[in-house]
PDB file of N, CA and C in Angstrom:
ATOM      1  N   MET A   1    -164.794 166.886 103.625  1.00  0.00           N
ATOM      2  CA  MET A   1    -163.797 167.661 104.314  1.00  0.00           C
ATOM      3  C   MET A   1    -162.463 166.936 104.386  1.00  0.00           C
ATOM      4  N   ASN A   2    -162.492 165.633 104.365  1.00  0.00           N
ATOM      5  CA  ASN A   2    -161.247 164.879 104.428  1.00  0.00           C
ATOM      6  C   ASN A   2    -160.372 165.129 103.208  1.00  0.00           C
ATOM      7  N   ASN A   3    -160.980 165.500 102.084  1.00  0.00           N
ATOM      8  CA  ASN A   3    -160.220 165.757 100.862  1.00  0.00           C
ATOM      9  C   ASN A   3    -159.241 166.913 101.016  1.00  0.00           C
ATOM     10  N   TYR A   4    -159.522 167.822 101.928  1.00  0.00           N
ATOM     11  CA  TYR A   4    -158.704 169.020 102.069  1.00  0.00           C
ATOM     12  C   TYR A   4    -157.562 168.854 103.073  1.00  0.00           C
ATOM     13  N   GLU A   5    -157.517 167.757 103.816  1.00  0.00           N
ATOM     14  CA  GLU A   5    -156.482 167.498 104.823  1.00  0.00           C
ATOM     15  C   GLU A   5    -156.310 168.682 105.763  1.00  0.00           C
ATOM     16  N   GLY A   6    -157.423 169.283 106.171  1.00  0.00           N
ATOM     17  CA  GLY A   6    -157.385 170.399 107.102  1.00  0.00           C
ATOM     18  C   GLY A   6    -157.087 171.744 106.468  1.00  0.00           C
ATOM     19  N   GLN A   7    -156.709 171.752 105.194  1.00  0.00           N
ATOM     20  CA  GLN A   7    -156.420 173.005 104.497  1.00  0.00           C
ATOM     21  C   GLN A   7    -157.597 173.319 103.582  1.00  0.00           C
ATOM     22  N   PHE A   8    -158.573 174.004 104.147  1.00  0.00           N
ATOM     23  CA  PHE A   8    -159.787 174.303 103.412  1.00  0.00           C
ATOM     24  C   PHE A   8    -159.561 175.410 102.391  1.00  0.00           C
ATOM     25  N   PRO A   9    -160.331 175.371 101.301  1.00  0.00           N
ATOM     26  CA  PRO A   9    -160.294 176.519 100.390  1.00  0.00           C
ATOM     27  C   PRO A   9    -160.811 177.747 101.146  1.00  0.00           C
ATOM     28  N   LEU A  10    -160.476 178.907 100.669  1.00  0.00           N
ATOM     29  CA  LEU A  10    -160.809 180.144 101.369  1.00  0.00           C
ATOM     30  C   LEU A  10    -162.289 180.240 101.707  1.00  0.00           C
ATOM     31  N   TRP A  11    -163.148 179.901 100.778  1.00  0.00           N
ATOM     32  CA  TRP A  11    -164.588 180.054 100.998  1.00  0.00           C
ATOM     33  C   TRP A  11    -165.112 179.141 102.101  1.00  0.00           C
ATOM     34  N   LEU A  12    -164.404 178.055 102.410  1.00  0.00           N
ATOM     35  CA  LEU A  12    -164.854 177.082 103.406  1.00  0.00           C
ATOM     36  C   LEU A  12    -164.130 177.212 104.746  1.00  0.00           C
ATOM     37  N   ALA A  13    -163.015 177.882 104.781  1.00  0.00           N
ATOM     38  CA  ALA A  13    -162.199 177.985 105.998  1.00  0.00           C
ATOM     39  C   ALA A  13    -162.972 178.683 107.121  1.00  0.00           C
ATOM     40  N   PRO A  14    -162.945 178.106 108.330  1.00  0.00           N
ATOM     41  CA  PRO A  14    -163.639 178.747 109.462  1.00  0.00           C
ATOM     42  C   PRO A  14    -163.075 180.137 109.769  1.00  0.00           C
ATOM     43  N   VAL A  15    -161.769 180.287 109.676  1.00  0.00           N
ATOM     44  CA  VAL A  15    -161.107 181.591 109.801  1.00  0.00           C
ATOM     45  C   VAL A  15    -160.379 181.811 108.482  1.00  0.00           C
ATOM     46  N   GLN A  16    -160.748 182.871 107.782  1.00  0.00           N
ATOM     47  CA  GLN A  16    -160.165 183.130 106.465  1.00  0.00           C
ATOM     48  C   GLN A  16    -158.925 184.013 106.533  1.00  0.00           C
ATOM     49  N   PHE A  17    -158.864 184.848 107.548  1.00  0.00           N
ATOM     50  CA  PHE A  17    -157.782 185.834 107.643  1.00  0.00           C
ATOM     51  C   PHE A  17    -157.460 186.048 109.111  1.00  0.00           C
ATOM     52  N   LYS A  18    -156.193 185.943 109.449  1.00  0.00           N
ATOM     53  CA  LYS A  18    -155.769 186.156 110.839  1.00  0.00           C
ATOM     54  C   LYS A  18    -154.826 187.349 110.878  1.00  0.00           C
ATOM     55  N   LEU A  19    -155.131 188.291 111.749  1.00  0.00           N
ATOM     56  CA  LEU A  19    -154.316 189.484 111.919  1.00  0.00           C
ATOM     57  C   LEU A  19    -153.393 189.286 113.107  1.00  0.00           C
ATOM     58  N   LEU A  20    -152.103 189.556 112.900  1.00  0.00           N
ATOM     59  CA  LEU A  20    -151.077 189.269 113.895  1.00  0.00           C
ATOM     60  C   LEU A  20    -150.341 190.551 114.282  1.00  0.00           C
ATOM     61  N   PRO A  21    -150.875 191.287 115.271  1.00  0.00           N
ATOM     62  CA  PRO A  21    -150.161 192.480 115.723  1.00  0.00           C
ATOM     63  C   PRO A  21    -148.872 192.086 116.442  1.00  0.00           C
ATOM     64  N   ILE A  22    -147.789 192.822 116.177  1.00  0.00           N
ATOM     65  CA  ILE A  22    -146.495 192.511 116.772  1.00  0.00           C
ATOM     66  C   ILE A  22    -146.472 192.839 118.260  1.00  0.00           C
ATOM     67  N   ALA A  23    -147.099 193.945 118.659  1.00  0.00           N
ATOM     68  CA  ALA A  23    -147.074 194.374 120.060  1.00  0.00           C
ATOM     69  C   ALA A  23    -148.381 195.086 120.407  1.00  0.00           C
ATOM     70  N   ALA A  24    -148.559 195.371 121.674  1.00  0.00           N
ATOM     71  CA  ALA A  24    -149.793 195.988 122.168  1.00  0.00           C
ATOM     72  C   ALA A  24    -150.202 197.257 121.412  1.00  0.00           C
ATOM     73  N   PRO A  25    -149.274 198.149 121.047  1.00  0.00           N
ATOM     74  CA  PRO A  25    -149.696 199.365 120.333  1.00  0.00           C
ATOM     75  C   PRO A  25    -150.328 199.105 118.958  1.00  0.00           C
ATOM     76  N   HIS A  26    -150.187 197.898 118.438  1.00  0.00           N
ATOM     77  CA  HIS A  26    -150.701 197.583 117.103  1.00  0.00           C
ATOM     78  C   HIS A  26    -152.084 196.926 117.142  1.00  0.00           C
ATOM     79  N   VAL A  27    -152.537 196.576 118.332  1.00  0.00           N
ATOM     80  CA  VAL A  27    -153.790 195.820 118.480  1.00  0.00           C
ATOM     81  C   VAL A  27    -155.001 196.640 118.039  1.00  0.00           C
ATOM     82  N   GLU A  28    -155.043 197.902 118.401  1.00  0.00           N
ATOM     83  CA  GLU A  28    -156.196 198.739 118.045  1.00  0.00           C
ATOM     84  C   GLU A  28    -156.382 198.792 116.528  1.00  0.00           C
ATOM     85  N   TYR A  29    -155.300 198.991 115.796  1.00  0.00           N
ATOM     86  CA  TYR A  29    -155.383 199.013 114.330  1.00  0.00           C
ATOM     87  C   TYR A  29    -155.823 197.649 113.795  1.00  0.00           C
ATOM     88  N   ALA A  30    -155.339 196.569 114.407  1.00  0.00           N
ATOM     89  CA  ALA A  30    -155.731 195.223 113.974  1.00  0.00           C
ATOM     90  C   ALA A  30    -157.243 195.041 114.088  1.00  0.00           C
ATOM     91  N   TYR A  31    -157.833 195.519 115.179  1.00  0.00           N
ATOM     92  CA  TYR A  31    -159.285 195.394 115.338  1.00  0.00           C
ATOM     93  C   TYR A  31    -160.037 196.289 114.350  1.00  0.00           C
ATOM     94  N   LYS A  32    -159.472 197.426 114.008  1.00  0.00           N
ATOM     95  CA  LYS A  32    -160.083 198.293 112.989  1.00  0.00           C
ATOM     96  C   LYS A  32    -160.131 197.552 111.649  1.00  0.00           C
ATOM     97  N   VAL A  33    -159.020 196.912 111.289  1.00  0.00           N
ATOM     98  CA  VAL A  33    -158.954 196.141 110.043  1.00  0.00           C
ATOM     99  C   VAL A  33    -159.934 194.975 110.100  1.00  0.00           C
ATOM    100  N   LYS A  34    -159.986 194.298 111.242  1.00  0.00           N
ATOM    101  CA  LYS A  34    -160.903 193.161 111.423  1.00  0.00           C
ATOM    102  C   LYS A  34    -162.336 193.588 111.120  1.00  0.00           C
ATOM    103  N   HIS A  35    -162.769 194.695 111.702  1.00  0.00           N
ATOM    104  CA  HIS A  35    -164.146 195.156 111.491  1.00  0.00           C
ATOM    105  C   HIS A  35    -164.392 195.540 110.033  1.00  0.00           C
ATOM    106  N   GLU A  36    -163.388 196.131 109.411  1.00  0.00           N
ATOM    107  CA  GLU A  36    -163.529 196.512 108.002  1.00  0.00           C
ATOM    108  C   GLU A  36    -163.694 195.276 107.114  1.00  0.00           C
ATOM    109  N   LEU A  37    -162.872 194.247 107.334  1.00  0.00           N
ATOM    110  CA  LEU A  37    -162.965 193.025 106.525  1.00  0.00           C
ATOM    111  C   LEU A  37    -164.233 192.233 106.848  1.00  0.00           C
ATOM    112  N   GLU A  38    -164.614 192.198 108.125  1.00  0.00           N
ATOM    113  CA  GLU A  38    -165.851 191.495 108.494  1.00  0.00           C
ATOM    114  C   GLU A  38    -167.070 192.163 107.870  1.00  0.00           C
ATOM    115  N   SER A  39    -167.039 193.478 107.730  1.00  0.00           N
ATOM    116  CA  SER A  39    -168.177 194.180 107.127  1.00  0.00           C
ATOM    117  C   SER A  39    -168.342 193.805 105.653  1.00  0.00           C
ATOM    118  N   GLN A  40    -167.278 193.218 105.077  1.00  0.00           N
ATOM    119  CA  GLN A  40    -167.331 192.759 103.690  1.00  0.00           C
ATOM    120  C   GLN A  40    -167.612 191.261 103.610  1.00  0.00           C
ATOM    121  N   GLY A  41    -167.879 190.635 104.763  1.00  0.00           N
ATOM    122  CA  GLY A  41    -168.288 189.237 104.781  1.00  0.00           C
ATOM    123  C   GLY A  41    -167.191 188.228 105.062  1.00  0.00           C
ATOM    124  N   TYR A  42    -165.986 188.676 105.385  1.00  0.00           N
ATOM    125  CA  TYR A  42    -164.884 187.739 105.654  1.00  0.00           C
ATOM    126  C   TYR A  42    -164.847 187.346 107.125  1.00  0.00           C
ATOM    127  N   ARG A  43    -164.368 186.135 107.383  1.00  0.00           N
ATOM    128  CA  ARG A  43    -164.217 185.637 108.756  1.00  0.00           C
ATOM    129  C   ARG A  43    -162.780 185.917 109.197  1.00  0.00           C
ATOM    130  N   VAL A  44    -162.652 186.819 110.171  1.00  0.00           N
ATOM    131  CA  VAL A  44    -161.346 187.347 110.563  1.00  0.00           C
ATOM    132  C   VAL A  44    -161.157 187.211 112.067  1.00  0.00           C
ATOM    133  N   GLU A  45    -159.931 186.874 112.478  1.00  0.00           N
ATOM    134  CA  GLU A  45    -159.566 186.845 113.895  1.00  0.00           C
ATOM    135  C   GLU A  45    -158.326 187.697 114.107  1.00  0.00           C
ATOM    136  N   VAL A  46    -158.206 188.240 115.320  1.00  0.00           N
ATOM    137  CA  VAL A  46    -157.005 188.966 115.734  1.00  0.00           C
ATOM    138  C   VAL A  46    -156.337 188.149 116.825  1.00  0.00           C
ATOM    139  N   ASP A  47    -155.057 187.853 116.666  1.00  0.00           N
ATOM    140  CA  ASP A  47    -154.279 187.190 117.717  1.00  0.00           C
ATOM    141  C   ASP A  47    -153.630 188.298 118.540  1.00  0.00           C
ATOM    142  N   ASP A  48    -154.347 188.737 119.582  1.00  0.00           N
ATOM    143  CA  ASP A  48    -153.877 189.876 120.371  1.00  0.00           C
ATOM    144  C   ASP A  48    -153.073 189.469 121.604  1.00  0.00           C
ATOM    145  N   ARG A  49    -152.629 188.217 121.639  1.00  0.00           N
ATOM    146  CA  ARG A  49    -151.801 187.771 122.761  1.00  0.00           C
ATOM    147  C   ARG A  49    -150.439 188.467 122.719  1.00  0.00           C
ATOM    148  N   ILE A  50    -149.866 188.639 123.884  1.00  0.00           N
ATOM    149  CA  ILE A  50    -148.514 189.198 123.967  1.00  0.00           C
ATOM    150  C   ILE A  50    -147.544 188.027 123.836  1.00  0.00           C
ATOM    151  N   GLU A  51    -147.214 187.711 122.598  1.00  0.00           N
ATOM    152  CA  GLU A  51    -146.300 186.610 122.257  1.00  0.00           C
ATOM    153  C   GLU A  51    -145.387 187.090 121.139  1.00  0.00           C
ATOM    154  N   LYS A  52    -144.319 186.371 120.923  1.00  0.00           N
ATOM    155  CA  LYS A  52    -143.410 186.705 119.817  1.00  0.00           C
ATOM    156  C   LYS A  52    -144.138 186.483 118.490  1.00  0.00           C
ATOM    157  N   ILE A  53    -143.849 187.337 117.527  1.00  0.00           N
ATOM    158  CA  ILE A  53    -144.540 187.264 116.235  1.00  0.00           C
ATOM    159  C   ILE A  53    -144.262 185.943 115.526  1.00  0.00           C
ATOM    160  N   GLY A  54    -143.061 185.398 115.681  1.00  0.00           N
ATOM    161  CA  GLY A  54    -142.742 184.109 115.060  1.00  0.00           C
ATOM    162  C   GLY A  54    -143.662 183.006 115.548  1.00  0.00           C
ATOM    163  N   LEU A  55    -143.979 183.015 116.839  1.00  0.00           N
ATOM    164  CA  LEU A  55    -144.899 182.024 117.406  1.00  0.00           C
ATOM    165  C   LEU A  55    -146.297 182.194 116.817  1.00  0.00           C
ATOM    166  N   LYS A  56    -146.751 183.428 116.714  1.00  0.00           N
ATOM    167  CA  LYS A  56    -148.087 183.684 116.160  1.00  0.00           C
ATOM    168  C   LYS A  56    -148.177 183.195 114.711  1.00  0.00           C
ATOM    169  N   ILE A  57    -147.130 183.451 113.932  1.00  0.00           N
ATOM    170  CA  ILE A  57    -147.116 183.007 112.532  1.00  0.00           C
ATOM    171  C   ILE A  57    -147.119 181.486 112.465  1.00  0.00           C
ATOM    172  N   ARG A  58    -146.267 180.836 113.260  1.00  0.00           N
ATOM    173  CA  ARG A  58    -146.216 179.359 113.266  1.00  0.00           C
ATOM    174  C   ARG A  58    -147.563 178.759 113.625  1.00  0.00           C
ATOM    175  N   GLU A  59    -148.209 179.315 114.652  1.00  0.00           N
ATOM    176  CA  GLU A  59    -149.507 178.780 115.065  1.00  0.00           C
ATOM    177  C   GLU A  59    -150.564 178.979 113.983  1.00  0.00           C
ATOM    178  N   ALA A  60    -150.573 180.125 113.333  1.00  0.00           N
ATOM    179  CA  ALA A  60    -151.528 180.359 112.238  1.00  0.00           C
ATOM    180  C   ALA A  60    -151.261 179.387 111.093  1.00  0.00           C
ATOM    181  N   GLU A  61    -149.983 179.116 110.814  1.00  0.00           N
ATOM    182  CA  GLU A  61    -149.619 178.137 109.779  1.00  0.00           C
ATOM    183  C   GLU A  61    -150.096 176.739 110.180  1.00  0.00           C
ATOM    184  N   MET A  62    -149.886 176.359 111.441  1.00  0.00           N
ATOM    185  CA  MET A  62    -150.313 175.029 111.900  1.00  0.00           C
ATOM    186  C   MET A  62    -151.829 174.878 111.821  1.00  0.00           C
ATOM    187  N   LEU A  63    -152.559 175.965 112.071  1.00  0.00           N
ATOM    188  CA  LEU A  63    -154.021 175.941 111.982  1.00  0.00           C
ATOM    189  C   LEU A  63    -154.504 176.044 110.538  1.00  0.00           C
ATOM    190  N   LYS A  64    -153.568 176.243 109.622  1.00  0.00           N
ATOM    191  CA  LYS A  64    -153.849 176.322 108.187  1.00  0.00           C
ATOM    192  C   LYS A  64    -154.819 177.447 107.833  1.00  0.00           C
ATOM    193  N   VAL A  65    -154.647 178.572 108.526  1.00  0.00           N
ATOM    194  CA  VAL A  65    -155.429 179.761 108.188  1.00  0.00           C
ATOM    195  C   VAL A  65    -154.962 180.213 106.798  1.00  0.00           C
ATOM    196  N   PRO A  66    -155.887 180.373 105.843  1.00  0.00           N
ATOM    197  CA  PRO A  66    -155.480 180.681 104.468  1.00  0.00           C
ATOM    198  C   PRO A  66    -154.633 181.948 104.315  1.00  0.00           C
ATOM    199  N   TYR A  67    -154.999 183.011 105.024  1.00  0.00           N
ATOM    200  CA  TYR A  67    -154.260 184.267 104.917  1.00  0.00           C
ATOM    201  C   TYR A  67    -154.012 184.849 106.297  1.00  0.00           C
ATOM    202  N   MET A  68    -152.884 185.533 106.408  1.00  0.00           N
ATOM    203  CA  MET A  68    -152.579 186.231 107.650  1.00  0.00           C
ATOM    204  C   MET A  68    -151.870 187.524 107.298  1.00  0.00           C
ATOM    205  N   ALA A  69    -151.868 188.436 108.264  1.00  0.00           N
ATOM    206  CA  ALA A  69    -151.164 189.703 108.063  1.00  0.00           C
ATOM    207  C   ALA A  69    -150.478 190.101 109.355  1.00  0.00           C
ATOM    208  N   VAL A  70    -149.208 190.438 109.240  1.00  0.00           N
ATOM    209  CA  VAL A  70    -148.438 190.945 110.367  1.00  0.00           C
ATOM    210  C   VAL A  70    -148.632 192.457 110.398  1.00  0.00           C
ATOM    211  N   ILE A  71    -148.871 192.974 111.605  1.00  0.00           N
ATOM    212  CA  ILE A  71    -149.098 194.412 111.765  1.00  0.00           C
ATOM    213  C   ILE A  71    -148.095 194.957 112.776  1.00  0.00           C
ATOM    214  N   GLY A  72    -147.260 195.863 112.300  1.00  0.00           N
ATOM    215  CA  GLY A  72    -146.274 196.529 113.152  1.00  0.00           C
ATOM    216  C   GLY A  72    -146.382 198.037 113.001  1.00  0.00           C
ATOM    217  N   ASP A  73    -145.356 198.735 113.447  1.00  0.00           N
ATOM    218  CA  ASP A  73    -145.365 200.204 113.392  1.00  0.00           C
ATOM    219  C   ASP A  73    -145.590 200.726 111.971  1.00  0.00           C
ATOM    220  N   ARG A  74    -144.879 200.161 111.017  1.00  0.00           N
ATOM    221  CA  ARG A  74    -144.969 200.629 109.625  1.00  0.00           C
ATOM    222  C   ARG A  74    -146.389 200.454 109.083  1.00  0.00           C
ATOM    223  N   GLU A  75    -146.995 199.304 109.378  1.00  0.00           N
ATOM    224  CA  GLU A  75    -148.346 199.036 108.869  1.00  0.00           C
ATOM    225  C   GLU A  75    -149.362 199.988 109.503  1.00  0.00           C
ATOM    226  N   VAL A  76    -149.221 200.245 110.800  1.00  0.00           N
ATOM    227  CA  VAL A  76    -150.135 201.178 111.465  1.00  0.00           C
ATOM    228  C   VAL A  76    -149.970 202.575 110.863  1.00  0.00           C
ATOM    229  N   GLU A  77    -148.726 203.003 110.719  1.00  0.00           N
ATOM    230  CA  GLU A  77    -148.441 204.342 110.192  1.00  0.00           C
ATOM    231  C   GLU A  77    -148.980 204.524 108.774  1.00  0.00           C
ATOM    232  N   ASN A  78    -148.841 203.489 107.938  1.00  0.00           N
ATOM    233  CA  ASN A  78    -149.262 203.571 106.534  1.00  0.00           C
ATOM    234  C   ASN A  78    -150.657 203.011 106.280  1.00  0.00           C
ATOM    235  N   GLU A  79    -151.331 202.566 107.343  1.00  0.00           N
ATOM    236  CA  GLU A  79    -152.643 201.911 107.227  1.00  0.00           C
ATOM    237  C   GLU A  79    -152.595 200.814 106.176  1.00  0.00           C
ATOM    238  N   SER A  80    -151.655 199.894 106.377  1.00  0.00           N
ATOM    239  CA  SER A  80    -151.445 198.790 105.440  1.00  0.00           C
ATOM    240  C   SER A  80    -151.337 197.476 106.203  1.00  0.00           C
ATOM    241  N   LEU A  81    -151.085 196.398 105.468  1.00  0.00           N
ATOM    242  CA  LEU A  81    -150.923 195.059 106.034  1.00  0.00           C
ATOM    243  C   LEU A  81    -149.732 194.382 105.369  1.00  0.00           C
ATOM    244  N   ALA A  82    -148.948 193.645 106.143  1.00  0.00           N
ATOM    245  CA  ALA A  82    -147.887 192.797 105.588  1.00  0.00           C
ATOM    246  C   ALA A  82    -148.516 191.415 105.431  1.00  0.00           C
ATOM    247  N   MET A  83    -149.037 191.141 104.245  1.00  0.00           N
ATOM    248  CA  MET A  83    -149.891 189.976 103.997  1.00  0.00           C
ATOM    249  C   MET A  83    -149.081 188.761 103.561  1.00  0.00           C
ATOM    250  N   ARG A  84    -149.515 187.596 104.027  1.00  0.00           N
ATOM    251  CA  ARG A  84    -148.898 186.329 103.632  1.00  0.00           C
ATOM    252  C   ARG A  84    -149.986 185.275 103.446  1.00  0.00           C
ATOM    253  N   LYS A  85    -149.676 184.282 102.637  1.00  0.00           N
ATOM    254  CA  LYS A  85    -150.601 183.180 102.377  1.00  0.00           C
ATOM    255  C   LYS A  85    -150.054 181.913 103.016  1.00  0.00           C
ATOM    256  N   HIS A  86    -150.947 181.086 103.546  1.00  0.00           N
ATOM    257  CA  HIS A  86    -150.547 179.841 104.192  1.00  0.00           C
ATOM    258  C   HIS A  86    -149.675 178.997 103.266  1.00  0.00           C
ATOM    259  N   GLY A  87    -148.549 178.558 103.797  1.00  0.00           N
ATOM    260  CA  GLY A  87    -147.676 177.659 103.063  1.00  0.00           C
ATOM    261  C   GLY A  87    -146.903 178.295 101.925  1.00  0.00           C
ATOM    262  N   LYS A  88    -147.049 179.579 101.744  1.00  0.00           N
ATOM    263  CA  LYS A  88    -146.388 180.278 100.634  1.00  0.00           C
ATOM    264  C   LYS A  88    -145.528 181.406 101.195  1.00  0.00           C
ATOM    265  N   GLU A  89    -144.869 182.099 100.294  1.00  0.00           N
ATOM    266  CA  GLU A  89    -144.061 183.232 100.712  1.00  0.00           C
ATOM    267  C   GLU A  89    -144.948 184.441 101.003  1.00  0.00           C
ATOM    268  N   ASN A  90    -144.321 185.505 101.451  1.00  0.00           N
ATOM    269  CA  ASN A  90    -145.052 186.740 101.725  1.00  0.00           C
ATOM    270  C   ASN A  90    -145.661 187.289 100.441  1.00  0.00           C
ATOM    271  N   ILE A  91    -146.841 187.829 100.553  1.00  0.00           N
ATOM    272  CA  ILE A  91    -147.483 188.496  99.424  1.00  0.00           C
ATOM    273  C   ILE A  91    -146.925 189.911  99.306  1.00  0.00           C
ATOM    274  N   GLY A  92    -146.700 190.533 100.449  1.00  0.00           N
ATOM    275  CA  GLY A  92    -146.139 191.880 100.468  1.00  0.00           C
ATOM    276  C   GLY A  92    -147.033 192.838 101.219  1.00  0.00           C
ATOM    277  N   THR A  93    -146.677 194.094 101.159  1.00  0.00           N
ATOM    278  CA  THR A  93    -147.438 195.129 101.853  1.00  0.00           C
ATOM    279  C   THR A  93    -148.570 195.601 100.951  1.00  0.00           C
ATOM    280  N   VAL A  94    -149.778 195.547 101.499  1.00  0.00           N
ATOM    281  CA  VAL A  94    -150.971 195.934 100.748  1.00  0.00           C
ATOM    282  C   VAL A  94    -151.864 196.796 101.634  1.00  0.00           C
ATOM    283  N   SER A  95    -152.725 197.563 101.009  1.00  0.00           N
ATOM    284  CA  SER A  95    -153.738 198.307 101.759  1.00  0.00           C
ATOM    285  C   SER A  95    -154.836 197.324 102.160  1.00  0.00           C
ATOM    286  N   VAL A  96    -155.684 197.740 103.069  1.00  0.00           N
ATOM    287  CA  VAL A  96    -156.802 196.883 103.477  1.00  0.00           C
ATOM    288  C   VAL A  96    -157.713 196.631 102.279  1.00  0.00           C
ATOM    289  N   LYS A  97    -157.924 197.649 101.470  1.00  0.00           N
ATOM    290  CA  LYS A  97    -158.760 197.505 100.271  1.00  0.00           C
ATOM    291  C   LYS A  97    -158.151 196.482  99.312  1.00  0.00           C
ATOM    292  N   GLU A  98    -156.826 196.549  99.113  1.00  0.00           N
ATOM    293  CA  GLU A  98    -156.151 195.591  98.231  1.00  0.00           C
ATOM    294  C   GLU A  98    -156.245 194.172  98.796  1.00  0.00           C
ATOM    295  N   ALA A  99    -156.165 194.035 100.115  1.00  0.00           N
ATOM    296  CA  ALA A  99    -156.304 192.717 100.742  1.00  0.00           C
ATOM    297  C   ALA A  99    -157.689 192.150 100.457  1.00  0.00           C
ATOM    298  N   ALA A 100    -158.714 192.984 100.573  1.00  0.00           N
ATOM    299  CA  ALA A 100    -160.081 192.536 100.302  1.00  0.00           C
ATOM    300  C   ALA A 100    -160.245 192.129  98.842  1.00  0.00           C
ATOM    301  N   VAL A 101    -159.636 192.866  97.928  1.00  0.00           N
ATOM    302  CA  VAL A 101    -159.690 192.514  96.501  1.00  0.00           C
ATOM    303  C   VAL A 101    -159.018 191.163  96.279  1.00  0.00           C
ATOM    304  N   TYR A 102    -157.878 190.952  96.908  1.00  0.00           N
ATOM    305  CA  TYR A 102    -157.133 189.694  96.807  1.00  0.00           C
ATOM    306  C   TYR A 102    -158.001 188.526  97.299  1.00  0.00           C
ATOM    307  N   LEU A 103    -158.628 188.704  98.464  1.00  0.00           N
ATOM    308  CA  LEU A 103    -159.497 187.660  99.018  1.00  0.00           C
ATOM    309  C   LEU A 103    -160.688 187.410  98.098  1.00  0.00           C
ATOM    310  N   ASN A 104    -161.277 188.473  97.599  1.00  0.00           N
ATOM    311  CA  ASN A 104    -162.440 188.349  96.730  1.00  0.00           C
ATOM    312  C   ASN A 104    -162.111 187.577  95.461  1.00  0.00           C
ATOM    313  N   LYS A 105    -160.933 187.840  94.882  1.00  0.00           N
ATOM    314  CA  LYS A 105    -160.517 187.105  93.677  1.00  0.00           C
ATOM    315  C   LYS A 105    -160.439 185.613  93.959  1.00  0.00           C
ATOM    316  N   GLU A 106    -159.825 185.260  95.088  1.00  0.00           N
ATOM    317  CA  GLU A 106    -159.704 183.836  95.397  1.00  0.00           C
ATOM    318  C   GLU A 106    -161.061 183.220  95.721  1.00  0.00           C
ATOM    319  N   MET A 107    -161.912 183.954  96.426  1.00  0.00           N
ATOM    320  CA  MET A 107    -163.250 183.440  96.752  1.00  0.00           C
ATOM    321  C   MET A 107    -164.012 183.125  95.468  1.00  0.00           C
ATOM    322  N   ASN A 108    -163.865 183.984  94.478  1.00  0.00           N
ATOM    323  CA  ASN A 108    -164.591 183.808  93.220  1.00  0.00           C
ATOM    324  C   ASN A 108    -163.988 182.736  92.331  1.00  0.00           C
ATOM    325  N   SER A 109    -162.730 182.384  92.573  1.00  0.00           N
ATOM    326  CA  SER A 109    -162.087 181.369  91.735  1.00  0.00           C
ATOM    327  C   SER A 109    -162.468 179.954  92.167  1.00  0.00           C
ATOM    328  N   ASN A 110    -162.894 179.790  93.446  1.00  0.00           N
ATOM    329  CA  ASN A 110    -163.298 178.469  93.972  1.00  0.00           C
ATOM    330  C   ASN A 110    -162.290 177.374  93.666  1.00  0.00           C
ATOM    331  N   ARG A 111    -161.020 177.651  93.951  1.00  0.00           N
ATOM    332  CA  ARG A 111    -160.001 176.630  93.710  1.00  0.00           C
ATOM    333  C   ARG A 111    -159.094 176.506  94.920  1.00  0.00           C
ATOM    334  N   VAL A 112    -158.423 175.371  95.000  1.00  0.00           N
ATOM    335  CA  VAL A 112    -157.456 175.128  96.063  1.00  0.00           C
ATOM    336  C   VAL A 112    -156.073 175.222  95.451  1.00  0.00           C
ATOM    337  N   ASP A 113    -155.206 176.036  96.036  1.00  0.00           N
ATOM    338  CA  ASP A 113    -153.822 176.138  95.550  1.00  0.00           C
ATOM    339  C   ASP A 113    -152.985 175.046  96.161  1.00  0.00           C
TER     340      ASP A 113
END
């Protein structure tokens, strides 16, 4: 584990995906997404605290969570996710199905970026 310096590959990370709702109205959708991804075998958490989104993103980055998604009005309305990867730029807006495909590809590659 020391080889990874706290940044585990996706398959080994205790939390693989963190959902970051911007405000209280977005929390219900975040939990819906959480259950959908967990049903596919992923380890997912929702940060449902009432905090600024910048703080939630910084904390997820500090914890080295491999993937995170910001959920706001647009994402709820379109049933999508604003996905980002730890230490990298935004991936962009994707459907929950596309997010699962993205995670599955990385899980199957067994590599550290």
